[in-house]
PDB file of all heavy atoms in Angstrom:
ATOM      1  N   VAL A   1      48.231 -42.994  12.123  1.00  0.00           N
ATOM      2  CA  VAL A   1      47.982 -44.446  11.983  1.00  0.00           C
ATOM      3  C   VAL A   1      48.997 -45.060  10.997  1.00  0.00           C
ATOM      4  O   VAL A   1      49.521 -46.145  11.233  1.00  0.00           O
ATOM      5  CB  VAL A   1      46.544 -44.676  11.514  1.00  0.00           C
ATOM      6  CG1 VAL A   1      46.334 -46.160  11.173  1.00  0.00           C
ATOM      7  CG2 VAL A   1      45.553 -44.222  12.559  1.00  0.00           C
ATOM      8  N   GLN A   2      49.248 -44.371   9.897  1.00  0.00           N
ATOM      9  CA  GLN A   2      50.217 -44.851   8.892  1.00  0.00           C
ATOM     10  C   GLN A   2      51.591 -44.987   9.521  1.00  0.00           C
ATOM     11  O   GLN A   2      52.332 -45.942   9.249  1.00  0.00           O
ATOM     12  CB  GLN A   2      50.247 -43.921   7.703  1.00  0.00           C
ATOM     13  CG  GLN A   2      51.185 -44.338   6.574  1.00  0.00           C
ATOM     14  CD  GLN A   2      50.751 -45.652   5.902  1.00  0.00           C
ATOM     15  OE1 GLN A   2      49.574 -45.870   5.724  1.00  0.00           O
ATOM     16  NE2 GLN A   2      51.704 -46.459   5.499  1.00  0.00           N
ATOM     17  N   GLN A   3      51.959 -44.048  10.373  1.00  0.00           N
ATOM     18  CA  GLN A   3      53.254 -44.121  11.050  1.00  0.00           C
ATOM     19  C   GLN A   3      53.361 -45.360  11.912  1.00  0.00           C
ATOM     20  O   GLN A   3      54.380 -46.068  11.884  1.00  0.00           O
ATOM     21  CB  GLN A   3      53.438 -42.866  11.912  1.00  0.00           C
ATOM     22  CG  GLN A   3      54.792 -42.823  12.627  1.00  0.00           C
ATOM     23  CD  GLN A   3      54.923 -41.614  13.548  1.00  0.00           C
ATOM     24  OE1 GLN A   3      54.026 -40.782  13.641  1.00  0.00           O
ATOM     25  NE2 GLN A   3      56.044 -41.531  14.229  1.00  0.00           N
ATOM     26  N   GLY A   4      52.312 -45.655  12.648  1.00  0.00           N
ATOM     27  CA  GLY A   4      52.302 -46.864  13.459  1.00  0.00           C
ATOM     28  C   GLY A   4      52.328 -48.108  12.635  1.00  0.00           C
ATOM     29  O   GLY A   4      52.987 -49.103  12.969  1.00  0.00           O
ATOM     30  N   LEU A   5      51.643 -48.066  11.488  1.00  0.00           N
ATOM     31  CA  LEU A   5      51.609 -49.247  10.598  1.00  0.00           C
ATOM     32  C   LEU A   5      53.012 -49.516  10.064  1.00  0.00           C
ATOM     33  O   LEU A   5      53.468 -50.663  10.029  1.00  0.00           O
ATOM     34  CB  LEU A   5      50.639 -48.973   9.444  1.00  0.00           C
ATOM     35  CG  LEU A   5      50.202 -50.136   8.597  1.00  0.00           C
ATOM     36  CD1 LEU A   5      48.819 -49.827   7.944  1.00  0.00           C
ATOM     37  CD2 LEU A   5      51.204 -50.419   7.469  1.00  0.00           C
ATOM     38  N   GLU A   6      53.723 -48.464   9.680  1.00  0.00           N
ATOM     39  CA  GLU A   6      55.053 -48.646   9.110  1.00  0.00           C
ATOM     40  C   GLU A   6      56.072 -49.070  10.157  1.00  0.00           C
ATOM     41  O   GLU A   6      56.965 -49.870   9.891  1.00  0.00           O
ATOM     42  CB  GLU A   6      55.496 -47.325   8.446  1.00  0.00           C
ATOM     43  CG  GLU A   6      54.715 -46.994   7.191  1.00  0.00           C
ATOM     44  CD  GLU A   6      55.016 -45.624   6.635  1.00  0.00           C
ATOM     45  OE1 GLU A   6      55.818 -44.893   7.274  1.00  0.00           O
ATOM     46  OE2 GLU A   6      54.524 -45.276   5.560  1.00  0.00           O
ATOM     47  N   GLU A   7      55.915 -48.548  11.395  1.00  0.00           N
ATOM     48  CA  GLU A   7      56.864 -48.934  12.443  1.00  0.00           C
ATOM     49  C   GLU A   7      56.746 -50.396  12.846  1.00  0.00           C
ATOM     50  O   GLU A   7      57.735 -51.034  13.198  1.00  0.00           O
ATOM     51  CB  GLU A   7      56.611 -48.041  13.694  1.00  0.00           C
ATOM     52  CG  GLU A   7      57.053 -46.616  13.493  1.00  0.00           C
ATOM     53  CD  GLU A   7      56.648 -45.728  14.670  1.00  0.00           C
ATOM     54  OE1 GLU A   7      55.882 -46.224  15.555  1.00  0.00           O
ATOM     55  OE2 GLU A   7      57.068 -44.578  14.716  1.00  0.00           O
ATOM     56  N   ALA A   8      55.532 -50.931  12.795  1.00  0.00           N
ATOM     57  CA  ALA A   8      55.290 -52.334  13.201  1.00  0.00           C
ATOM     58  C   ALA A   8      55.256 -53.294  12.022  1.00  0.00           C
ATOM     59  O   ALA A   8      55.097 -54.493  12.215  1.00  0.00           O
ATOM     60  CB  ALA A   8      53.966 -52.429  13.980  1.00  0.00           C
ATOM     61  N   ASP A   9      55.384 -52.776  10.821  1.00  0.00           N
ATOM     62  CA  ASP A   9      55.141 -53.576   9.647  1.00  0.00           C
ATOM     63  C   ASP A   9      56.381 -54.365   9.222  1.00  0.00           C
ATOM     64  O   ASP A   9      57.450 -53.786   8.946  1.00  0.00           O
ATOM     65  CB  ASP A   9      54.704 -52.656   8.477  1.00  0.00           C
ATOM     66  CG  ASP A   9      54.136 -53.430   7.327  1.00  0.00           C
ATOM     67  OD1 ASP A   9      53.933 -54.634   7.456  1.00  0.00           O
ATOM     68  OD2 ASP A   9      53.871 -52.822   6.268  1.00  0.00           O
ATOM     69  N   ILE A  10      56.291 -55.683   9.180  1.00  0.00           N
ATOM     70  CA  ILE A  10      57.368 -56.516   8.631  1.00  0.00           C
ATOM     71  C   ILE A  10      56.997 -57.067   7.255  1.00  0.00           C
ATOM     72  O   ILE A  10      57.734 -57.850   6.657  1.00  0.00           O
ATOM     73  CB  ILE A  10      57.748 -57.659   9.601  1.00  0.00           C
ATOM     74  CG1 ILE A  10      56.538 -58.604   9.810  1.00  0.00           C
ATOM     75  CG2 ILE A  10      58.221 -57.122  10.918  1.00  0.00           C
ATOM     76  CD1 ILE A  10      56.891 -59.816  10.637  1.00  0.00           C
ATOM     77  N   LEU A  11      55.836 -56.629   6.728  1.00  0.00           N
ATOM     78  CA  LEU A  11      55.446 -57.097   5.396  1.00  0.00           C
ATOM     79  C   LEU A  11      56.470 -56.803   4.317  1.00  0.00           C
ATOM     80  O   LEU A  11      56.695 -57.620   3.420  1.00  0.00           O
ATOM     81  CB  LEU A  11      54.102 -56.452   5.018  1.00  0.00           C
ATOM     82  CG  LEU A  11      52.856 -57.154   5.546  1.00  0.00           C
ATOM     83  CD1 LEU A  11      51.584 -56.377   5.186  1.00  0.00           C
ATOM     84  CD2 LEU A  11      52.746 -58.578   5.033  1.00  0.00           C
ATOM     85  N   PRO A  12      57.116 -55.593   4.317  1.00  0.00           N
ATOM     86  CA  PRO A  12      58.129 -55.356   3.300  1.00  0.00           C
ATOM     87  C   PRO A  12      59.229 -56.402   3.260  1.00  0.00           C
ATOM     88  O   PRO A  12      59.926 -56.525   2.239  1.00  0.00           O
ATOM     89  CB  PRO A  12      58.671 -53.964   3.676  1.00  0.00           C
ATOM     90  CG  PRO A  12      57.548 -53.315   4.382  1.00  0.00           C
ATOM     91  CD  PRO A  12      56.909 -54.418   5.166  1.00  0.00           C
ATOM     92  N   LYS A  13      59.402 -57.163   4.344  1.00  0.00           N
ATOM     93  CA  LYS A  13      60.438 -58.160   4.397  1.00  0.00           C
ATOM     94  C   LYS A  13      59.986 -59.478   3.783  1.00  0.00           C
ATOM     95  O   LYS A  13      60.803 -60.433   3.682  1.00  0.00           O
ATOM     96  CB  LYS A  13      60.891 -58.373   5.847  1.00  0.00           C
ATOM     97  CG  LYS A  13      61.498 -57.140   6.471  1.00  0.00           C
ATOM     98  CD  LYS A  13      61.907 -57.354   7.896  1.00  0.00           C
ATOM     99  CE  LYS A  13      62.517 -56.097   8.517  1.00  0.00           C
ATOM    100  NZ  LYS A  13      62.932 -56.312   9.925  1.00  0.00           N
ATOM    101  N   ILE A  14      58.681 -59.611   3.445  1.00  0.00           N
ATOM    102  CA  ILE A  14      58.233 -60.855   2.853  1.00  0.00           C
ATOM    103  C   ILE A  14      57.529 -60.693   1.504  1.00  0.00           C
ATOM    104  O   ILE A  14      57.257 -61.687   0.839  1.00  0.00           O
ATOM    105  CB  ILE A  14      57.288 -61.630   3.815  1.00  0.00           C
ATOM    106  CG1 ILE A  14      55.932 -60.927   3.949  1.00  0.00           C
ATOM    107  CG2 ILE A  14      57.918 -61.862   5.147  1.00  0.00           C
ATOM    108  CD1 ILE A  14      54.896 -61.757   4.693  1.00  0.00           C
ATOM    109  N   ILE A  15      57.244 -59.471   1.103  1.00  0.00           N
ATOM    110  CA  ILE A  15      56.552 -59.286  -0.192  1.00  0.00           C
ATOM    111  C   ILE A  15      57.537 -58.793  -1.255  1.00  0.00           C
ATOM    112  O   ILE A  15      58.506 -58.097  -0.969  1.00  0.00           O
ATOM    113  CB  ILE A  15      55.372 -58.294  -0.091  1.00  0.00           C
ATOM    114  CG1 ILE A  15      55.854 -56.906   0.372  1.00  0.00           C
ATOM    115  CG2 ILE A  15      54.312 -58.823   0.861  1.00  0.00           C
ATOM    116  CD1 ILE A  15      54.755 -55.863   0.348  1.00  0.00           C
ATOM    117  N   ALA A  16      57.270 -59.212  -2.493  1.00  0.00           N
ATOM    118  CA  ALA A  16      58.124 -58.829  -3.600  1.00  0.00           C
ATOM    119  C   ALA A  16      57.745 -57.491  -4.214  1.00  0.00           C
ATOM    120  O   ALA A  16      58.612 -56.740  -4.679  1.00  0.00           O
ATOM    121  CB  ALA A  16      58.058 -59.940  -4.683  1.00  0.00           C
ATOM    122  N   THR A  17      56.444 -57.184  -4.209  1.00  0.00           N
ATOM    123  CA  THR A  17      55.986 -55.946  -4.837  1.00  0.00           C
ATOM    124  C   THR A  17      54.632 -55.579  -4.264  1.00  0.00           C
ATOM    125  O   THR A  17      53.905 -56.407  -3.763  1.00  0.00           O
ATOM    126  CB  THR A  17      55.888 -56.110  -6.365  1.00  0.00           C
ATOM    127  OG1 THR A  17      55.535 -54.873  -6.959  1.00  0.00           O
ATOM    128  CG2 THR A  17      54.854 -57.163  -6.753  1.00  0.00           C
ATOM    129  N   THR A  18      54.347 -54.270  -4.348  1.00  0.00           N
ATOM    130  CA  THR A  18      53.026 -53.745  -3.901  1.00  0.00           C
ATOM    131  C   THR A  18      52.348 -53.124  -5.126  1.00  0.00           C
ATOM    132  O   THR A  18      52.911 -52.311  -5.827  1.00  0.00           O
ATOM    133  CB  THR A  18      53.187 -52.692  -2.807  1.00  0.00           C
ATOM    134  OG1 THR A  18      53.797 -53.284  -1.676  1.00  0.00           O
ATOM    135  CG2 THR A  18      51.825 -52.116  -2.424  1.00  0.00           C
ATOM    136  N   THR A  19      51.104 -53.533  -5.367  1.00  0.00           N
ATOM    137  CA  THR A  19      50.305 -53.010  -6.466  1.00  0.00           C
ATOM    138  C   THR A  19      49.168 -52.153  -5.899  1.00  0.00           C
ATOM    139  O   THR A  19      48.400 -52.633  -5.060  1.00  0.00           O
ATOM    140  CB  THR A  19      49.721 -54.146  -7.314  1.00  0.00           C
ATOM    141  OG1 THR A  19      50.789 -54.932  -7.821  1.00  0.00           O
ATOM    142  CG2 THR A  19      48.901 -53.593  -8.468  1.00  0.00           C
ATOM    143  N   ASN A  20      49.084 -50.900  -6.332  1.00  0.00           N
ATOM    144  CA  ASN A  20      47.994 -50.031  -5.916  1.00  0.00           C
ATOM    145  C   ASN A  20      46.901 -50.021  -6.965  1.00  0.00           C
ATOM    146  O   ASN A  20      47.171 -49.860  -8.161  1.00  0.00           O
ATOM    147  CB  ASN A  20      48.506 -48.598  -5.717  1.00  0.00           C
ATOM    148  CG  ASN A  20      49.423 -48.475  -4.521  1.00  0.00           C
ATOM    149  OD1 ASN A  20      49.002 -48.530  -3.376  1.00  0.00           O
ATOM    150  ND2 ASN A  20      50.740 -48.349  -4.770  1.00  0.00           N
ATOM    151  N   ILE A  21      45.663 -50.250  -6.524  1.00  0.00           N
ATOM    152  CA  ILE A  21      44.533 -50.284  -7.448  1.00  0.00           C
ATOM    153  C   ILE A  21      43.476 -49.299  -6.989  1.00  0.00           C
ATOM    154  O   ILE A  21      43.486 -48.867  -5.857  1.00  0.00           O
ATOM    155  CB  ILE A  21      43.950 -51.704  -7.589  1.00  0.00           C
ATOM    156  CG1 ILE A  21      43.410 -52.164  -6.201  1.00  0.00           C
ATOM    157  CG2 ILE A  21      44.965 -52.697  -8.127  1.00  0.00           C
ATOM    158  CD1 ILE A  21      42.674 -53.497  -6.244  1.00  0.00           C
ATOM    159  N   ASP A  22      42.560 -48.972  -7.904  1.00  0.00           N
ATOM    160  CA  ASP A  22      41.473 -48.021  -7.557  1.00  0.00           C
ATOM    161  C   ASP A  22      40.105 -48.690  -7.651  1.00  0.00           C
ATOM    162  O   ASP A  22      39.106 -48.035  -7.907  1.00  0.00           O
ATOM    163  CB  ASP A  22      41.515 -46.767  -8.430  1.00  0.00           C
ATOM    164  CG  ASP A  22      41.475 -47.115  -9.912  1.00  0.00           C
ATOM    165  OD1 ASP A  22      41.275 -48.295 -10.265  1.00  0.00           O
ATOM    166  OD2 ASP A  22      41.619 -46.171 -10.726  1.00  0.00           O
ATOM    167  N   SER A  23      40.100 -50.013  -7.461  1.00  0.00           N
ATOM    168  CA  SER A  23      38.841 -50.759  -7.445  1.00  0.00           C
ATOM    169  C   SER A  23      38.963 -51.879  -6.454  1.00  0.00           C
ATOM    170  O   SER A  23      40.032 -52.079  -5.867  1.00  0.00           O
ATOM    171  CB  SER A  23      38.514 -51.311  -8.856  1.00  0.00           C
ATOM    172  OG  SER A  23      39.421 -52.338  -9.197  1.00  0.00           O
ATOM    173  N   LEU A  24      37.923 -52.649  -6.278  1.00  0.00           N
ATOM    174  CA  LEU A  24      37.944 -53.780  -5.335  1.00  0.00           C
ATOM    175  C   LEU A  24      38.090 -55.102  -6.066  1.00  0.00           C
ATOM    176  O   LEU A  24      38.049 -56.156  -5.445  1.00  0.00           O
ATOM    177  CB  LEU A  24      36.674 -53.772  -4.500  1.00  0.00           C
ATOM    178  CG  LEU A  24      36.499 -52.573  -3.580  1.00  0.00           C
ATOM    179  CD1 LEU A  24      35.212 -52.693  -2.737  1.00  0.00           C
ATOM    180  CD2 LEU A  24      37.689 -52.416  -2.629  1.00  0.00           C
ATOM    181  N   ASP A  25      38.269 -55.072  -7.389  1.00  0.00           N
ATOM    182  CA  ASP A  25      38.461 -56.279  -8.202  1.00  0.00           C
ATOM    183  C   ASP A  25      39.851 -56.306  -8.785  1.00  0.00           C
ATOM    184  O   ASP A  25      40.277 -55.326  -9.451  1.00  0.00           O
ATOM    185  CB  ASP A  25      37.415 -56.371  -9.302  1.00  0.00           C
ATOM    186  CG  ASP A  25      35.996 -56.586  -8.780  1.00  0.00           C
ATOM    187  OD1 ASP A  25      35.888 -57.116  -7.688  1.00  0.00           O
ATOM    188  OD2 ASP A  25      35.057 -56.155  -9.462  1.00  0.00           O
ATOM    189  N   TYR A  26      40.580 -57.368  -8.555  1.00  0.00           N
ATOM    190  CA  TYR A  26      41.949 -57.472  -9.063  1.00  0.00           C
ATOM    191  C   TYR A  26      42.274 -58.955  -9.334  1.00  0.00           C
ATOM    192  O   TYR A  26      42.093 -59.783  -8.474  1.00  0.00           O
ATOM    193  CB  TYR A  26      42.974 -56.881  -8.100  1.00  0.00           C
ATOM    194  CG  TYR A  26      44.385 -56.971  -8.579  1.00  0.00           C
ATOM    195  CD1 TYR A  26      44.882 -56.100  -9.527  1.00  0.00           C
ATOM    196  CD2 TYR A  26      45.267 -57.959  -8.081  1.00  0.00           C
ATOM    197  CE1 TYR A  26      46.204 -56.164  -9.979  1.00  0.00           C
ATOM    198  CE2 TYR A  26      46.570 -58.033  -8.514  1.00  0.00           C
ATOM    199  CZ  TYR A  26      47.029 -57.151  -9.461  1.00  0.00           C
ATOM    200  OH  TYR A  26      48.322 -57.224  -9.905  1.00  0.00           O
ATOM    201  N   ARG A  27      42.763 -59.205 -10.518  1.00  0.00           N
ATOM    202  CA  ARG A  27      43.117 -60.570 -10.901  1.00  0.00           C
ATOM    203  C   ARG A  27      44.651 -60.597 -11.120  1.00  0.00           C
ATOM    204  O   ARG A  27      45.167 -59.951 -12.011  1.00  0.00           O
ATOM    205  CB  ARG A  27      42.384 -60.996 -12.181  1.00  0.00           C
ATOM    206  CG  ARG A  27      42.375 -62.493 -12.395  1.00  0.00           C
ATOM    207  CD  ARG A  27      41.563 -62.858 -13.643  1.00  0.00           C
ATOM    208  NE  ARG A  27      40.186 -62.465 -13.545  1.00  0.00           N
ATOM    209  CZ  ARG A  27      39.231 -63.193 -12.984  1.00  0.00           C
ATOM    210  NH1 ARG A  27      39.540 -64.361 -12.451  1.00  0.00           N
ATOM    211  NH2 ARG A  27      37.983 -62.774 -12.982  1.00  0.00           N
ATOM    212  N   ALA A  28      45.339 -61.307 -10.247  1.00  0.00           N
ATOM    213  CA  ALA A  28      46.796 -61.329 -10.257  1.00  0.00           C
ATOM    214  C   ALA A  28      47.317 -62.330 -11.302  1.00  0.00           C
ATOM    215  O   ALA A  28      46.561 -63.099 -11.888  1.00  0.00           O
ATOM    216  CB  ALA A  28      47.318 -61.681  -8.890  1.00  0.00           C
TER     217      ALA A  28
END
């Protein structure tokens, strides 16, 4: 599934950074 996500994913072309969190609450 991850392979398919990466092959079709154009998000890296529009996002500046990716933040990984270990909860469902995040304040940017």
